[in-house]
Amino acid sequence: MDSPLTELKTRYDTLEDLDKEILLVTEEEELQKKIEETDVENSIIQDAGDLCRYRINAVRGAAKQSYLGGRYRQ
């Protein structure tokens, strides 16, 4: 039975081999264009996620203040 590190190394080597094969069958410019398009899309998705987290935290903060404010008024 292989150790977890040996299995991880084997998987890593497999990924490197697949990367090399992809480069052999794909034009470099085409691949670079796809990478850039994916980076832009990922950036948009990350920005949207950040905005959602910000809004959620703002609502949580307001709810907490409202709860604490009501508690101390009694």
C-alpha atoms as a PDB file:
ATOM      1  CA  MET A   1       0.000   0.000   0.000  1.00  0.00           C
ATOM      2  CA  ASP A   2       1.377   3.398  -1.001  1.00  0.00           C
ATOM      3  CA  SER A   3       1.728   6.126   1.563  1.00  0.00           C
ATOM      4  CA  PRO A   4      -0.500   9.204   1.190  1.00  0.00           C
ATOM      5  CA  LEU A   5       2.535  11.245   0.078  1.00  0.00           C
ATOM      6  CA  THR A   6       3.417   8.718  -2.616  1.00  0.00           C
ATOM      7  CA  GLU A   7      -0.176   8.735  -3.857  1.00  0.00           C
ATOM      8  CA  LEU A   8      -0.198  12.541  -3.863  1.00  0.00           C
ATOM      9  CA  LYS A   9       3.082  12.630  -5.822  1.00  0.00           C
ATOM     10  CA  THR A  10       1.648  10.175  -8.356  1.00  0.00           C
ATOM     11  CA  ARG A  11      -1.450  12.339  -8.814  1.00  0.00           C
ATOM     12  CA  TYR A  12       0.676  15.458  -9.146  1.00  0.00           C
ATOM     13  CA  ASP A  13       2.818  13.780 -11.807  1.00  0.00           C
ATOM     14  CA  THR A  14      -0.333  12.733 -13.653  1.00  0.00           C
ATOM     15  CA  LEU A  15      -1.576  16.333 -13.641  1.00  0.00           C
ATOM     16  CA  GLU A  16       1.754  17.574 -14.969  1.00  0.00           C
ATOM     17  CA  ASP A  17       1.612  14.996 -17.768  1.00  0.00           C
ATOM     18  CA  LEU A  18      -1.935  16.078 -18.650  1.00  0.00           C
ATOM     19  CA  ASP A  19      -0.848  19.733 -18.698  1.00  0.00           C
ATOM     20  CA  LYS A  20       1.941  18.878 -21.122  1.00  0.00           C
ATOM     21  CA  GLU A  21      -0.465  16.961 -23.358  1.00  0.00           C
ATOM     22  CA  ILE A  22      -2.919  19.865 -23.359  1.00  0.00           C
ATOM     23  CA  LEU A  23      -0.153  22.247 -24.412  1.00  0.00           C
ATOM     24  CA  LEU A  24       0.811  19.925 -27.254  1.00  0.00           C
ATOM     25  CA  VAL A  25      -2.685  19.898 -28.740  1.00  0.00           C
ATOM     26  CA  THR A  26      -3.665  23.503 -28.025  1.00  0.00           C
ATOM     27  CA  GLU A  27      -2.318  26.620 -29.623  1.00  0.00           C
ATOM     28  CA  GLU A  28      -0.479  28.713 -27.052  1.00  0.00           C
ATOM     29  CA  GLU A  29      -2.297  31.935 -27.982  1.00  0.00           C
ATOM     30  CA  GLU A  30      -5.669  30.198 -27.803  1.00  0.00           C
ATOM     31  CA  LEU A  31      -4.826  28.748 -24.424  1.00  0.00           C
ATOM     32  CA  GLN A  32      -3.615  32.107 -23.101  1.00  0.00           C
ATOM     33  CA  LYS A  33      -6.837  33.755 -24.306  1.00  0.00           C
ATOM     34  CA  LYS A  34      -8.915  31.124 -22.476  1.00  0.00           C
ATOM     35  CA  ILE A  35      -6.863  31.609 -19.303  1.00  0.00           C
ATOM     36  CA  GLU A  36      -7.420  35.375 -19.435  1.00  0.00           C
ATOM     37  CA  GLU A  37     -11.161  34.955 -20.067  1.00  0.00           C
ATOM     38  CA  THR A  38     -11.404  32.568 -17.123  1.00  0.00           C
ATOM     39  CA  ASP A  39      -9.462  34.985 -14.911  1.00  0.00           C
ATOM     40  CA  VAL A  40     -11.926  37.780 -15.758  1.00  0.00           C
ATOM     41  CA  GLU A  41     -14.912  35.528 -15.087  1.00  0.00           C
ATOM     42  CA  ASN A  42     -13.426  34.318 -11.792  1.00  0.00           C
ATOM     43  CA  SER A  43     -12.742  37.918 -10.762  1.00  0.00           C
ATOM     44  CA  ILE A  44     -16.371  38.875 -11.416  1.00  0.00           C
ATOM     45  CA  ILE A  45     -17.602  35.871  -9.429  1.00  0.00           C
ATOM     46  CA  GLN A  46     -15.233  36.644  -6.541  1.00  0.00           C
ATOM     47  CA  ASP A  47     -16.339  40.290  -6.501  1.00  0.00           C
ATOM     48  CA  ALA A  48     -19.999  39.221  -6.379  1.00  0.00           C
ATOM     49  CA  GLY A  49     -19.221  36.834  -3.525  1.00  0.00           C
ATOM     50  CA  ASP A  50     -17.401  39.584  -1.629  1.00  0.00           C
ATOM     51  CA  LEU A  51     -20.373  41.921  -2.082  1.00  0.00           C
ATOM     52  CA  CYS A  52     -22.786  39.260  -0.811  1.00  0.00           C
ATOM     53  CA  ARG A  53     -20.609  38.616   2.252  1.00  0.00           C
ATOM     54  CA  TYR A  54     -20.416  42.357   2.907  1.00  0.00           C
ATOM     55  CA  ARG A  55     -24.200  42.731   2.693  1.00  0.00           C
ATOM     56  CA  ILE A  56     -24.791  39.699   4.906  1.00  0.00           C
ATOM     57  CA  ASN A  57     -22.395  41.063   7.515  1.00  0.00           C
ATOM     58  CA  ALA A  58     -24.087  44.475   7.373  1.00  0.00           C
ATOM     59  CA  VAL A  59     -27.507  42.891   7.923  1.00  0.00           C
ATOM     60  CA  ARG A  60     -26.131  40.739  10.744  1.00  0.00           C
ATOM     61  CA  GLY A  61     -24.600  43.803  12.386  1.00  0.00           C
ATOM     62  CA  ALA A  62     -27.853  45.736  12.121  1.00  0.00           C
ATOM     63  CA  ALA A  63     -29.827  42.792  13.483  1.00  0.00           C
ATOM     64  CA  LYS A  64     -27.399  42.412  16.371  1.00  0.00           C
ATOM     65  CA  GLN A  65     -27.612  46.128  17.193  1.00  0.00           C
ATOM     66  CA  SER A  66     -31.393  45.978  17.013  1.00  0.00           C
ATOM     67  CA  TYR A  67     -31.490  42.941  19.296  1.00  0.00           C
ATOM     68  CA  LEU A  68     -29.051  44.414  21.793  1.00  0.00           C
ATOM     69  CA  GLY A  69     -30.791  47.787  21.709  1.00  0.00           C
ATOM     70  CA  GLY A  70     -34.154  46.189  22.434  1.00  0.00           C
ATOM     71  CA  ARG A  71     -32.710  44.098  25.228  1.00  0.00           C
ATOM     72  CA  TYR A  72     -31.251  47.022  27.104  1.00  0.00           C
ATOM     73  CA  ARG A  73     -34.378  49.153  26.772  1.00  0.00           C
ATOM     74  CA  GLN A  74     -36.464  46.791  28.883  1.00  0.00           C
END
